[in-house]
Amino acid sequence: MNLAIWILLLQATLGATDTLYYHEYKLKLAHSDHSQTELKLHATRDFCYAIIIGSLGFATWNGMLAWCLLAILIAEIVITLWDFIEEDKVRVLPAGERVMHTIMGIVYGAFLAYLLPEIMRWKDQPTGWGPSYHGFPAWLLLLLATGVFVSGVRDLIASLRPQPKVPTKPKS
């Protein structure tokens, strides 16, 4: 599990870099008029990530909770795939952002490769949270999870602002 935690820390750091550089600094997605669906997807995924990133450094998900964690992981993958489609519909991604997303996908696959065997062990335990303290990386993950949660709230609020009216052409 220790390697999964370090890979998750790498994934969370890449995600923070992607969000801060591309979404906030370069593209200013929260201020874009065409990104409401994308922002809702980002917010939902951020809430999933906040749960995953914030919990795994400190706890195991035992019994039925293992299935809940698995459902959150699957939901995150579905949201990410939907987000890829939405991004391609509404904007041209900078090459660096596309590369970043690819790297994040590879790292996430490595994370899942190390986490899934753990989840399969946890599912056979009595239902409840188990202790799983991972020291310094756990605290970094908790800090990143807080940032992911705040980013999700911001994206959700930005996605709810009214869309500008698109002018219609008069009928000839």
N, C-alpha and C. Protein backbone atom coordinates (compact mmCIF):
# COMPACT_ATOMS: atom_id res chain seq x y z
N MET A 1 0.83 -1.21 0.00
CA MET A 1 0.00 0.00 0.00
C MET A 1 0.86 1.26 0.00
N ASN A 2 2.05 1.16 0.56
CA ASN A 2 2.90 2.33 0.63
C ASN A 2 3.23 2.89 -0.76
N LEU A 3 3.48 2.00 -1.73
CA LEU A 3 3.77 2.47 -3.08
C LEU A 3 2.55 3.14 -3.71
N ALA A 4 1.36 2.60 -3.45
CA ALA A 4 0.12 3.22 -3.95
C ALA A 4 -0.02 4.64 -3.40
N ILE A 5 0.34 4.85 -2.16
CA ILE A 5 0.24 6.18 -1.54
C ILE A 5 1.19 7.16 -2.24
N TRP A 6 2.42 6.72 -2.51
CA TRP A 6 3.37 7.60 -3.19
C TRP A 6 2.92 7.91 -4.62
N ILE A 7 2.36 6.91 -5.29
CA ILE A 7 1.86 7.15 -6.65
C ILE A 7 0.66 8.11 -6.60
N LEU A 8 -0.21 7.93 -5.60
CA LEU A 8 -1.34 8.85 -5.43
C LEU A 8 -0.84 10.27 -5.17
N LEU A 9 0.21 10.40 -4.40
CA LEU A 9 0.79 11.72 -4.15
C LEU A 9 1.30 12.35 -5.45
N LEU A 10 1.93 11.54 -6.30
CA LEU A 10 2.36 12.03 -7.60
C LEU A 10 1.15 12.46 -8.44
N GLN A 11 0.11 11.62 -8.45
CA GLN A 11 -1.11 11.93 -9.21
C GLN A 11 -1.74 13.22 -8.72
N ALA A 12 -1.85 13.38 -7.43
CA ALA A 12 -2.46 14.59 -6.86
C ALA A 12 -1.63 15.83 -7.19
N THR A 13 -0.32 15.69 -7.18
CA THR A 13 0.56 16.81 -7.51
C THR A 13 0.42 17.19 -8.99
N LEU A 14 0.35 16.18 -9.86
CA LEU A 14 0.13 16.45 -11.29
C LEU A 14 -1.23 17.13 -11.49
N GLY A 15 -2.25 16.65 -10.79
CA GLY A 15 -3.58 17.25 -10.90
C GLY A 15 -3.59 18.69 -10.44
N ALA A 16 -2.90 18.96 -9.34
CA ALA A 16 -2.82 20.35 -8.85
C ALA A 16 -2.10 21.23 -9.86
N THR A 17 -1.04 20.72 -10.45
CA THR A 17 -0.30 21.48 -11.47
C THR A 17 -1.19 21.76 -12.68
N ASP A 18 -1.91 20.73 -13.15
CA ASP A 18 -2.82 20.89 -14.28
C ASP A 18 -3.88 21.95 -13.98
N THR A 19 -4.46 21.87 -12.80
CA THR A 19 -5.51 22.81 -12.43
C THR A 19 -4.97 24.24 -12.31
N LEU A 20 -3.89 24.39 -11.57
CA LEU A 20 -3.37 25.74 -11.33
C LEU A 20 -2.81 26.37 -12.61
N TYR A 21 -2.05 25.60 -13.38
CA TYR A 21 -1.43 26.19 -14.56
C TYR A 21 -2.43 26.32 -15.71
N TYR A 22 -3.03 25.21 -16.12
CA TYR A 22 -3.88 25.25 -17.31
C TYR A 22 -5.27 25.82 -17.02
N HIS A 23 -5.96 25.27 -16.03
CA HIS A 23 -7.35 25.68 -15.80
C HIS A 23 -7.45 27.10 -15.24
N GLU A 24 -6.54 27.44 -14.32
CA GLU A 24 -6.63 28.75 -13.67
C GLU A 24 -5.82 29.82 -14.39
N TYR A 25 -4.53 29.60 -14.57
CA TYR A 25 -3.64 30.63 -15.10
C TYR A 25 -3.78 30.81 -16.61
N LYS A 26 -3.59 29.76 -17.36
CA LYS A 26 -3.52 29.89 -18.82
C LYS A 26 -4.90 30.06 -19.46
N LEU A 27 -5.87 29.24 -19.06
CA LEU A 27 -7.16 29.23 -19.74
C LEU A 27 -8.29 29.94 -18.98
N LYS A 28 -8.12 30.14 -17.68
CA LYS A 28 -9.14 30.81 -16.87
C LYS A 28 -10.53 30.20 -17.10
N LEU A 29 -10.60 28.87 -16.95
CA LEU A 29 -11.84 28.15 -17.25
C LEU A 29 -13.03 28.65 -16.44
N ALA A 30 -12.83 29.01 -15.20
CA ALA A 30 -13.95 29.44 -14.37
C ALA A 30 -14.58 30.74 -14.88
N HIS A 31 -13.88 31.46 -15.75
CA HIS A 31 -14.40 32.71 -16.30
C HIS A 31 -14.84 32.57 -17.75
N SER A 32 -14.80 31.36 -18.26
CA SER A 32 -15.16 31.11 -19.65
C SER A 32 -16.66 30.95 -19.80
N ASP A 33 -17.20 31.43 -20.91
CA ASP A 33 -18.64 31.35 -21.14
C ASP A 33 -19.11 30.00 -21.66
N HIS A 34 -18.21 29.17 -22.10
CA HIS A 34 -18.61 27.92 -22.72
C HIS A 34 -18.27 26.68 -21.90
N SER A 35 -17.89 26.85 -20.64
CA SER A 35 -17.34 25.73 -19.89
C SER A 35 -18.21 25.23 -18.74
N GLN A 36 -19.51 25.55 -18.71
CA GLN A 36 -20.34 25.17 -17.57
C GLN A 36 -20.37 23.65 -17.35
N THR A 37 -20.56 22.89 -18.41
CA THR A 37 -20.59 21.43 -18.25
C THR A 37 -19.24 20.91 -17.82
N GLU A 38 -18.19 21.43 -18.43
CA GLU A 38 -16.84 21.00 -18.05
C GLU A 38 -16.56 21.33 -16.59
N LEU A 39 -16.98 22.50 -16.14
CA LEU A 39 -16.77 22.88 -14.74
C LEU A 39 -17.56 21.98 -13.79
N LYS A 40 -18.78 21.61 -14.17
CA LYS A 40 -19.56 20.68 -13.33
C LYS A 40 -18.87 19.33 -13.25
N LEU A 41 -18.34 18.86 -14.36
CA LEU A 41 -17.60 17.60 -14.35
C LEU A 41 -16.36 17.71 -13.46
N HIS A 42 -15.63 18.82 -13.59
CA HIS A 42 -14.44 19.02 -12.76
C HIS A 42 -14.82 19.05 -11.28
N ALA A 43 -15.90 19.73 -10.95
CA ALA A 43 -16.33 19.82 -9.55
C ALA A 43 -16.67 18.43 -9.01
N THR A 44 -17.44 17.67 -9.77
CA THR A 44 -17.83 16.33 -9.31
C THR A 44 -16.59 15.45 -9.14
N ARG A 45 -15.70 15.50 -10.11
CA ARG A 45 -14.47 14.72 -10.00
C ARG A 45 -13.63 15.19 -8.83
N ASP A 46 -13.57 16.50 -8.61
CA ASP A 46 -12.81 17.02 -7.46
C ASP A 46 -13.35 16.49 -6.15
N PHE A 47 -14.65 16.38 -6.02
CA PHE A 47 -15.23 15.86 -4.78
C PHE A 47 -14.86 14.38 -4.62
N CYS A 48 -14.87 13.63 -5.71
CA CYS A 48 -14.43 12.22 -5.65
C CYS A 48 -12.96 12.16 -5.23
N TYR A 49 -12.13 12.96 -5.88
CA TYR A 49 -10.71 12.97 -5.56
C TYR A 49 -10.45 13.40 -4.12
N ALA A 50 -11.18 14.37 -3.62
CA ALA A 50 -10.98 14.81 -2.24
C ALA A 50 -11.20 13.66 -1.27
N ILE A 51 -12.20 12.85 -1.53
CA ILE A 51 -12.48 11.68 -0.67
C ILE A 51 -11.34 10.67 -0.78
N ILE A 52 -10.95 10.35 -2.01
CA ILE A 52 -9.89 9.36 -2.23
C ILE A 52 -8.57 9.84 -1.63
N ILE A 53 -8.16 11.03 -2.03
CA ILE A 53 -6.86 11.57 -1.63
C ILE A 53 -6.80 11.83 -0.13
N GLY A 54 -7.90 12.33 0.42
CA GLY A 54 -7.90 12.68 1.84
C GLY A 54 -7.99 11.50 2.78
N SER A 55 -8.49 10.37 2.30
CA SER A 55 -8.71 9.25 3.21
C SER A 55 -7.62 8.19 3.19
N LEU A 56 -7.06 7.89 2.03
CA LEU A 56 -6.20 6.72 1.91
C LEU A 56 -4.89 6.81 2.69
N GLY A 57 -4.44 7.98 3.01
CA GLY A 57 -3.23 8.11 3.81
C GLY A 57 -3.44 7.77 5.28
N PHE A 58 -4.70 7.71 5.69
CA PHE A 58 -5.01 7.51 7.11
C PHE A 58 -5.89 6.30 7.40
N ALA A 59 -6.61 5.79 6.40
CA ALA A 59 -7.61 4.76 6.70
C ALA A 59 -7.74 3.75 5.56
N THR A 60 -8.18 2.55 5.92
CA THR A 60 -8.58 1.55 4.95
C THR A 60 -10.10 1.54 4.89
N TRP A 61 -10.62 1.11 3.77
CA TRP A 61 -12.06 1.04 3.54
C TRP A 61 -12.44 -0.45 3.60
N ASN A 62 -12.89 -0.91 4.74
CA ASN A 62 -13.11 -2.33 4.95
C ASN A 62 -14.55 -2.76 4.71
N GLY A 63 -14.71 -4.04 4.36
CA GLY A 63 -16.04 -4.62 4.16
C GLY A 63 -16.79 -3.92 3.04
N MET A 64 -18.02 -3.54 3.31
CA MET A 64 -18.87 -2.87 2.32
C MET A 64 -18.28 -1.52 1.89
N LEU A 65 -17.50 -0.90 2.75
CA LEU A 65 -16.87 0.38 2.39
C LEU A 65 -15.90 0.20 1.22
N ALA A 66 -15.29 -0.98 1.10
CA ALA A 66 -14.39 -1.24 -0.03
C ALA A 66 -15.15 -1.11 -1.34
N TRP A 67 -16.40 -1.58 -1.36
CA TRP A 67 -17.22 -1.47 -2.57
C TRP A 67 -17.60 -0.02 -2.84
N CYS A 68 -17.80 0.75 -1.76
CA CYS A 68 -18.07 2.19 -1.92
C CYS A 68 -16.87 2.90 -2.54
N LEU A 69 -15.67 2.58 -2.05
CA LEU A 69 -14.45 3.17 -2.62
C LEU A 69 -14.31 2.77 -4.08
N LEU A 70 -14.56 1.52 -4.39
CA LEU A 70 -14.49 1.06 -5.77
C LEU A 70 -15.48 1.83 -6.65
N ALA A 71 -16.67 2.07 -6.14
CA ALA A 71 -17.68 2.83 -6.89
C ALA A 71 -17.20 4.27 -7.13
N ILE A 72 -16.56 4.88 -6.15
CA ILE A 72 -16.03 6.24 -6.31
C ILE A 72 -14.92 6.24 -7.37
N LEU A 73 -14.06 5.23 -7.34
CA LEU A 73 -12.98 5.14 -8.33
C LEU A 73 -13.54 4.97 -9.75
N ILE A 74 -14.55 4.13 -9.89
CA ILE A 74 -15.17 3.93 -11.20
C ILE A 74 -15.86 5.21 -11.65
N ALA A 75 -16.56 5.88 -10.74
CA ALA A 75 -17.23 7.14 -11.08
C ALA A 75 -16.20 8.16 -11.55
N GLU A 76 -15.05 8.23 -10.89
CA GLU A 76 -14.01 9.17 -11.28
C GLU A 76 -13.53 8.88 -12.70
N ILE A 77 -13.37 7.61 -13.04
CA ILE A 77 -12.92 7.25 -14.39
C ILE A 77 -13.97 7.65 -15.42
N VAL A 78 -15.24 7.37 -15.15
CA VAL A 78 -16.33 7.73 -16.08
C VAL A 78 -16.39 9.25 -16.25
N ILE A 79 -16.28 9.99 -15.16
CA ILE A 79 -16.31 11.45 -15.23
C ILE A 79 -15.13 11.97 -16.06
N THR A 80 -13.95 11.39 -15.87
CA THR A 80 -12.78 11.82 -16.62
C THR A 80 -12.96 11.57 -18.12
N LEU A 81 -13.48 10.41 -18.48
CA LEU A 81 -13.72 10.12 -19.90
C LEU A 81 -14.75 11.08 -20.49
N TRP A 82 -15.80 11.36 -19.73
CA TRP A 82 -16.83 12.32 -20.17
C TRP A 82 -16.20 13.70 -20.34
N ASP A 83 -15.32 14.06 -19.39
CA ASP A 83 -14.65 15.35 -19.45
C ASP A 83 -13.78 15.46 -20.71
N PHE A 84 -13.09 14.38 -21.09
CA PHE A 84 -12.30 14.40 -22.32
C PHE A 84 -13.19 14.73 -23.52
N ILE A 85 -14.34 14.11 -23.57
CA ILE A 85 -15.28 14.35 -24.68
C ILE A 85 -15.77 15.79 -24.65
N GLU A 86 -16.14 16.26 -23.47
CA GLU A 86 -16.65 17.64 -23.32
C GLU A 86 -15.58 18.66 -23.70
N GLU A 87 -14.35 18.43 -23.25
CA GLU A 87 -13.27 19.36 -23.59
C GLU A 87 -13.10 19.47 -25.11
N ASP A 88 -13.13 18.33 -25.78
CA ASP A 88 -12.96 18.34 -27.24
C ASP A 88 -14.12 19.02 -27.95
N LYS A 89 -15.30 19.04 -27.33
CA LYS A 89 -16.45 19.70 -27.95
C LYS A 89 -16.39 21.21 -27.81
N VAL A 90 -15.82 21.73 -26.72
CA VAL A 90 -15.95 23.17 -26.44
C VAL A 90 -14.68 23.98 -26.56
N ARG A 91 -13.52 23.33 -26.61
CA ARG A 91 -12.29 24.11 -26.68
C ARG A 91 -11.16 23.26 -27.25
N VAL A 92 -10.14 23.95 -27.73
CA VAL A 92 -8.94 23.28 -28.19
C VAL A 92 -7.97 23.23 -27.01
N LEU A 93 -7.56 22.04 -26.64
CA LEU A 93 -6.63 21.91 -25.52
C LEU A 93 -5.22 22.26 -25.97
N PRO A 94 -4.49 23.03 -25.17
CA PRO A 94 -3.07 23.25 -25.48
C PRO A 94 -2.36 21.89 -25.47
N ALA A 95 -1.33 21.77 -26.29
CA ALA A 95 -0.60 20.50 -26.38
C ALA A 95 -0.09 20.04 -25.02
N GLY A 96 0.40 20.97 -24.22
CA GLY A 96 0.90 20.61 -22.89
C GLY A 96 -0.17 20.05 -21.99
N GLU A 97 -1.37 20.59 -22.09
CA GLU A 97 -2.46 20.08 -21.27
C GLU A 97 -2.84 18.66 -21.70
N ARG A 98 -2.86 18.42 -23.01
CA ARG A 98 -3.17 17.07 -23.52
C ARG A 98 -2.11 16.08 -23.03
N VAL A 99 -0.83 16.48 -23.08
CA VAL A 99 0.25 15.63 -22.58
C VAL A 99 0.08 15.38 -21.08
N MET A 100 -0.24 16.44 -20.34
CA MET A 100 -0.44 16.30 -18.89
C MET A 100 -1.56 15.29 -18.60
N HIS A 101 -2.66 15.38 -19.33
CA HIS A 101 -3.77 14.45 -19.12
C HIS A 101 -3.35 13.01 -19.42
N THR A 102 -2.53 12.83 -20.43
CA THR A 102 -2.04 11.49 -20.77
C THR A 102 -1.16 10.94 -19.66
N ILE A 103 -0.23 11.75 -19.19
CA ILE A 103 0.64 11.33 -18.09
C ILE A 103 -0.19 10.99 -16.86
N MET A 104 -1.18 11.84 -16.56
CA MET A 104 -2.04 11.59 -15.39
C MET A 104 -2.80 10.27 -15.56
N GLY A 105 -3.24 9.97 -16.77
CA GLY A 105 -3.94 8.70 -17.01
C GLY A 105 -3.04 7.50 -16.75
N ILE A 106 -1.78 7.60 -17.18
CA ILE A 106 -0.82 6.52 -16.95
C ILE A 106 -0.55 6.36 -15.46
N VAL A 107 -0.31 7.47 -14.77
CA VAL A 107 -0.04 7.42 -13.33
C VAL A 107 -1.25 6.87 -12.57
N TYR A 108 -2.45 7.28 -12.98
CA TYR A 108 -3.66 6.79 -12.32
C TYR A 108 -3.79 5.28 -12.51
N GLY A 109 -3.44 4.77 -13.70
CA GLY A 109 -3.46 3.33 -13.94
C GLY A 109 -2.49 2.61 -13.01
N ALA A 110 -1.29 3.18 -12.83
CA ALA A 110 -0.32 2.58 -11.90
C ALA A 110 -0.86 2.58 -10.48
N PHE A 111 -1.46 3.69 -10.08
CA PHE A 111 -2.07 3.78 -8.75
C PHE A 111 -3.12 2.68 -8.55
N LEU A 112 -4.00 2.53 -9.54
CA LEU A 112 -5.05 1.50 -9.44
C LEU A 112 -4.45 0.10 -9.39
N ALA A 113 -3.36 -0.12 -10.13
CA ALA A 113 -2.72 -1.44 -10.14
C ALA A 113 -2.23 -1.83 -8.75
N TYR A 114 -1.80 -0.85 -7.96
CA TYR A 114 -1.34 -1.14 -6.60
C TYR A 114 -2.48 -1.07 -5.58
N LEU A 115 -3.50 -0.27 -5.85
CA LEU A 115 -4.60 -0.12 -4.90
C LEU A 115 -5.62 -1.26 -4.98
N LEU A 116 -5.95 -1.72 -6.17
CA LEU A 116 -7.01 -2.72 -6.32
C LEU A 116 -6.75 -4.01 -5.53
N PRO A 117 -5.53 -4.55 -5.49
CA PRO A 117 -5.32 -5.72 -4.63
C PRO A 117 -5.60 -5.44 -3.15
N GLU A 118 -5.29 -4.22 -2.72
CA GLU A 118 -5.58 -3.83 -1.34
C GLU A 118 -7.09 -3.81 -1.10
N ILE A 119 -7.82 -3.21 -2.05
CA ILE A 119 -9.27 -3.16 -1.92
C ILE A 119 -9.86 -4.56 -1.85
N MET A 120 -9.30 -5.49 -2.63
CA MET A 120 -9.80 -6.87 -2.61
C MET A 120 -9.55 -7.52 -1.25
N ARG A 121 -8.47 -7.15 -0.55
CA ARG A 121 -8.23 -7.64 0.82
C ARG A 121 -9.18 -6.95 1.81
N TRP A 122 -9.38 -5.65 1.62
CA TRP A 122 -10.23 -4.89 2.54
C TRP A 122 -11.66 -5.38 2.50
N LYS A 123 -12.15 -5.80 1.34
CA LYS A 123 -13.56 -6.20 1.21
C LYS A 123 -13.89 -7.41 2.10
N ASP A 124 -12.89 -8.20 2.46
CA ASP A 124 -13.10 -9.39 3.29
C ASP A 124 -13.04 -9.09 4.79
N GLN A 125 -12.77 -7.86 5.14
CA GLN A 125 -12.71 -7.44 6.54
C GLN A 125 -14.10 -7.02 7.02
N PRO A 126 -14.30 -6.96 8.34
CA PRO A 126 -15.58 -6.42 8.83
C PRO A 126 -15.74 -4.97 8.37
N THR A 127 -16.97 -4.58 8.06
CA THR A 127 -17.23 -3.23 7.55
C THR A 127 -16.85 -2.17 8.57
N GLY A 128 -16.12 -1.18 8.09
CA GLY A 128 -15.69 -0.06 8.92
C GLY A 128 -14.37 0.49 8.42
N TRP A 129 -13.94 1.55 9.05
CA TRP A 129 -12.67 2.17 8.71
C TRP A 129 -11.57 1.49 9.50
N GLY A 130 -10.46 1.20 8.84
CA GLY A 130 -9.31 0.65 9.54
C GLY A 130 -8.17 1.64 9.53
N PRO A 131 -7.28 1.54 10.51
CA PRO A 131 -6.15 2.47 10.55
C PRO A 131 -5.14 2.12 9.47
N SER A 132 -4.57 3.14 8.84
CA SER A 132 -3.56 2.95 7.80
C SER A 132 -2.78 4.25 7.67
N TYR A 133 -1.96 4.55 8.65
CA TYR A 133 -1.24 5.81 8.67
C TYR A 133 0.03 5.71 7.83
N HIS A 134 0.24 6.65 6.93
CA HIS A 134 1.39 6.63 6.03
C HIS A 134 2.31 7.82 6.24
N GLY A 135 2.28 8.40 7.44
CA GLY A 135 3.24 9.44 7.79
C GLY A 135 3.15 10.70 6.94
N PHE A 136 4.30 11.26 6.61
CA PHE A 136 4.40 12.52 5.90
C PHE A 136 3.58 12.55 4.61
N PRO A 137 3.62 11.50 3.76
CA PRO A 137 2.80 11.55 2.54
C PRO A 137 1.30 11.69 2.85
N ALA A 138 0.85 11.11 3.96
CA ALA A 138 -0.56 11.21 4.32
C ALA A 138 -0.95 12.66 4.56
N TRP A 139 -0.08 13.40 5.23
CA TRP A 139 -0.37 14.80 5.52
C TRP A 139 -0.33 15.66 4.25
N LEU A 140 0.60 15.36 3.36
CA LEU A 140 0.63 16.06 2.07
C LEU A 140 -0.64 15.77 1.28
N LEU A 141 -1.08 14.50 1.29
CA LEU A 141 -2.31 14.14 0.60
C LEU A 141 -3.50 14.87 1.20
N LEU A 142 -3.54 14.99 2.52
CA LEU A 142 -4.65 15.70 3.16
C LEU A 142 -4.66 17.17 2.75
N LEU A 143 -3.49 17.77 2.67
CA LEU A 143 -3.38 19.17 2.22
C LEU A 143 -3.86 19.29 0.77
N LEU A 144 -3.43 18.38 -0.09
CA LEU A 144 -3.87 18.40 -1.48
C LEU A 144 -5.37 18.13 -1.60
N ALA A 145 -5.89 17.23 -0.77
CA ALA A 145 -7.33 16.95 -0.78
C ALA A 145 -8.14 18.19 -0.42
N THR A 146 -7.64 18.96 0.52
CA THR A 146 -8.32 20.21 0.90
C THR A 146 -8.34 21.16 -0.30
N GLY A 147 -7.21 21.28 -0.98
CA GLY A 147 -7.16 22.13 -2.17
C GLY A 147 -8.08 21.64 -3.27
N VAL A 148 -8.14 20.33 -3.47
CA VAL A 148 -9.03 19.75 -4.49
C VAL A 148 -10.49 20.05 -4.14
N PHE A 149 -10.83 19.92 -2.87
CA PHE A 149 -12.20 20.20 -2.44
C PHE A 149 -12.56 21.67 -2.69
N VAL A 150 -11.66 22.57 -2.31
CA VAL A 150 -11.90 24.01 -2.52
C VAL A 150 -12.03 24.31 -4.01
N SER A 151 -11.18 23.70 -4.83
CA SER A 151 -11.26 23.88 -6.27
C SER A 151 -12.61 23.37 -6.80
N GLY A 152 -13.08 22.25 -6.26
CA GLY A 152 -14.38 21.72 -6.67
C GLY A 152 -15.52 22.66 -6.33
N VAL A 153 -15.47 23.24 -5.16
CA VAL A 153 -16.51 24.20 -4.76
C VAL A 153 -16.47 25.40 -5.71
N ARG A 154 -15.27 25.90 -5.99
CA ARG A 154 -15.13 27.05 -6.90
C ARG A 154 -15.68 26.71 -8.28
N ASP A 155 -15.31 25.55 -8.81
CA ASP A 155 -15.81 25.17 -10.14
C ASP A 155 -17.32 24.98 -10.15
N LEU A 156 -17.86 24.43 -9.08
CA LEU A 156 -19.31 24.25 -9.01
C LEU A 156 -20.02 25.60 -9.01
N ILE A 157 -19.54 26.53 -8.21
CA ILE A 157 -20.14 27.87 -8.17
C ILE A 157 -20.04 28.54 -9.53
N ALA A 158 -18.85 28.44 -10.16
CA ALA A 158 -18.66 29.06 -11.48
C ALA A 158 -19.57 28.42 -12.53
N SER A 159 -19.84 27.13 -12.39
CA SER A 159 -20.68 26.44 -13.38
C SER A 159 -22.15 26.82 -13.27
N LEU A 160 -22.53 27.38 -12.15
CA LEU A 160 -23.93 27.73 -11.91
C LEU A 160 -24.28 29.15 -12.31
N ARG A 161 -23.29 29.94 -12.68
CA ARG A 161 -23.61 31.32 -13.08
C ARG A 161 -24.36 31.29 -14.42
N PRO A 162 -25.21 32.26 -14.63
CA PRO A 162 -26.03 32.27 -15.85
C PRO A 162 -25.18 32.32 -17.11
N GLN A 163 -25.60 31.59 -18.11
CA GLN A 163 -24.96 31.60 -19.42
C GLN A 163 -25.35 32.88 -20.14
N PRO A 164 -24.43 33.47 -20.90
CA PRO A 164 -24.80 34.65 -21.70
C PRO A 164 -25.77 34.21 -22.80
N LYS A 165 -26.66 35.09 -23.12
CA LYS A 165 -27.63 34.81 -24.19
C LYS A 165 -26.90 34.81 -25.53
N VAL A 166 -27.18 33.80 -26.32
CA VAL A 166 -26.63 33.73 -27.66
C VAL A 166 -27.60 34.43 -28.59
N PRO A 167 -27.13 35.45 -29.32
CA PRO A 167 -28.05 36.17 -30.21
C PRO A 167 -28.58 35.23 -31.29
N THR A 168 -29.87 35.37 -31.55
CA THR A 168 -30.49 34.56 -32.61
C THR A 168 -30.59 35.39 -33.86
N LYS A 169 -30.49 34.73 -35.00
CA LYS A 169 -30.60 35.43 -36.28
C LYS A 169 -32.07 35.66 -36.58
N PRO A 170 -32.40 36.86 -37.05
CA PRO A 170 -33.80 37.10 -37.43
C PRO A 170 -34.18 36.24 -38.64
N LYS A 171 -35.43 35.80 -38.64
CA LYS A 171 -35.92 35.00 -39.76
C LYS A 171 -36.07 35.88 -40.99
N SER A 172 -35.68 35.35 -42.12
CA SER A 172 -35.76 36.14 -43.37
C SER A 172 -37.07 35.90 -44.04
